[in-house]
């Protein structure tokens, strides 16, 4: 079971996409508690010093899909 799931989809210009990635990069660089402006509100995440990453590229059906995923433990222990 997931504790929280947030998804926000919208169309962006190339420059808006770059701005969004720069904001994410700054949050990753800073670490600790990072605030990300996503959609109508802000999302605050605790970002540790080490995390795992996955980059996936799919090409097909006339589209290119690029996914960048970062994962890290919540720090909570399962009971």
Protein backbone atom coordinates (compact mmCIF):
# COMPACT_ATOMS: atom_id res chain seq x y z
CA UNK A 1 0.00 0.00 0.00
CA UNK A 2 1.29 3.47 -0.88
CA UNK A 3 1.33 6.17 1.79
CA UNK A 4 1.00 8.92 -0.81
CA UNK A 5 0.79 9.18 -4.56
CA UNK A 6 0.81 12.44 -6.52
CA UNK A 7 0.51 12.73 -10.29
CA UNK A 8 0.21 15.87 -12.36
CA UNK A 9 0.01 15.74 -16.15
CA UNK A 10 -0.04 18.73 -18.47
CA UNK A 11 1.34 19.95 -21.76
CA UNK A 12 4.50 22.08 -21.54
CA UNK A 13 6.67 24.07 -23.84
CA UNK A 14 10.29 22.96 -24.09
CA UNK A 15 11.31 25.93 -21.91
CA UNK A 16 8.69 25.13 -19.26
CA UNK A 17 9.93 21.53 -19.18
CA UNK A 18 13.51 22.80 -18.73
CA UNK A 19 12.39 25.08 -15.87
CA UNK A 20 10.65 22.16 -14.16
CA UNK A 21 13.77 20.00 -14.48
CA UNK A 22 15.96 22.83 -13.16
CA UNK A 23 13.73 23.16 -10.11
CA UNK A 24 13.99 19.42 -9.50
CA UNK A 25 17.78 19.53 -10.00
CA UNK A 26 18.09 22.36 -7.46
CA UNK A 27 16.01 20.37 -4.94
CA UNK A 28 18.21 17.31 -5.45
CA UNK A 29 21.38 19.39 -5.17
CA UNK A 30 20.20 21.04 -1.94
CA UNK A 31 18.85 17.85 -0.31
CA UNK A 32 17.11 17.85 3.04
CA UNK A 33 13.54 19.10 2.88
CA UNK A 34 12.93 20.32 -0.67
CA UNK A 35 9.86 22.14 -1.94
CA UNK A 36 8.74 21.53 -5.50
CA UNK A 37 6.12 23.65 -7.23
CA UNK A 38 3.90 21.06 -8.90
CA UNK A 39 0.60 22.10 -10.35
CA UNK A 40 -1.55 24.24 -8.10
CA UNK A 41 0.47 23.64 -4.93
CA UNK A 42 3.82 22.76 -3.45
CA UNK A 43 5.10 19.31 -2.57
CA UNK A 44 7.70 19.01 0.20
CA UNK A 45 9.96 15.98 0.15
CA UNK A 46 12.85 14.84 2.33
CA UNK A 47 15.68 14.05 -0.08
CA UNK A 48 18.58 12.03 1.36
CA UNK A 49 22.23 12.19 0.32
CA UNK A 50 21.99 8.91 -1.61
CA UNK A 51 19.21 7.59 -3.81
CA UNK A 52 18.65 5.21 -6.71
CA UNK A 53 17.85 6.32 -10.23
CA UNK A 54 16.32 4.79 -13.33
CA UNK A 55 16.13 6.32 -16.79
CA UNK A 56 13.85 4.71 -19.35
CA UNK A 57 13.34 5.64 -22.98
CA UNK A 58 10.61 4.10 -25.14
CA UNK A 59 10.07 4.88 -28.82
CA UNK A 60 6.96 3.62 -30.57
CA UNK A 61 3.53 4.49 -31.92
CA UNK A 62 4.85 7.83 -33.15
CA UNK A 63 5.99 9.00 -29.69
CA UNK A 64 9.13 9.17 -27.57
CA UNK A 65 8.62 8.60 -23.84
CA UNK A 66 11.38 9.56 -21.40
CA UNK A 67 10.99 8.65 -17.75
CA UNK A 68 13.39 9.66 -15.00
CA UNK A 69 12.72 8.00 -11.66
CA UNK A 70 14.41 8.49 -8.30
CA UNK A 71 13.72 6.26 -5.30
CA UNK A 72 14.86 6.27 -1.69
CA UNK A 73 13.66 4.81 1.59
CA UNK A 74 11.19 6.79 3.67
CA UNK A 75 13.18 6.15 6.81
CA UNK A 76 10.19 4.41 8.34
CA UNK A 77 10.43 0.81 9.45
CA UNK A 78 7.68 -1.59 8.43
CA UNK A 79 5.76 -3.15 11.30
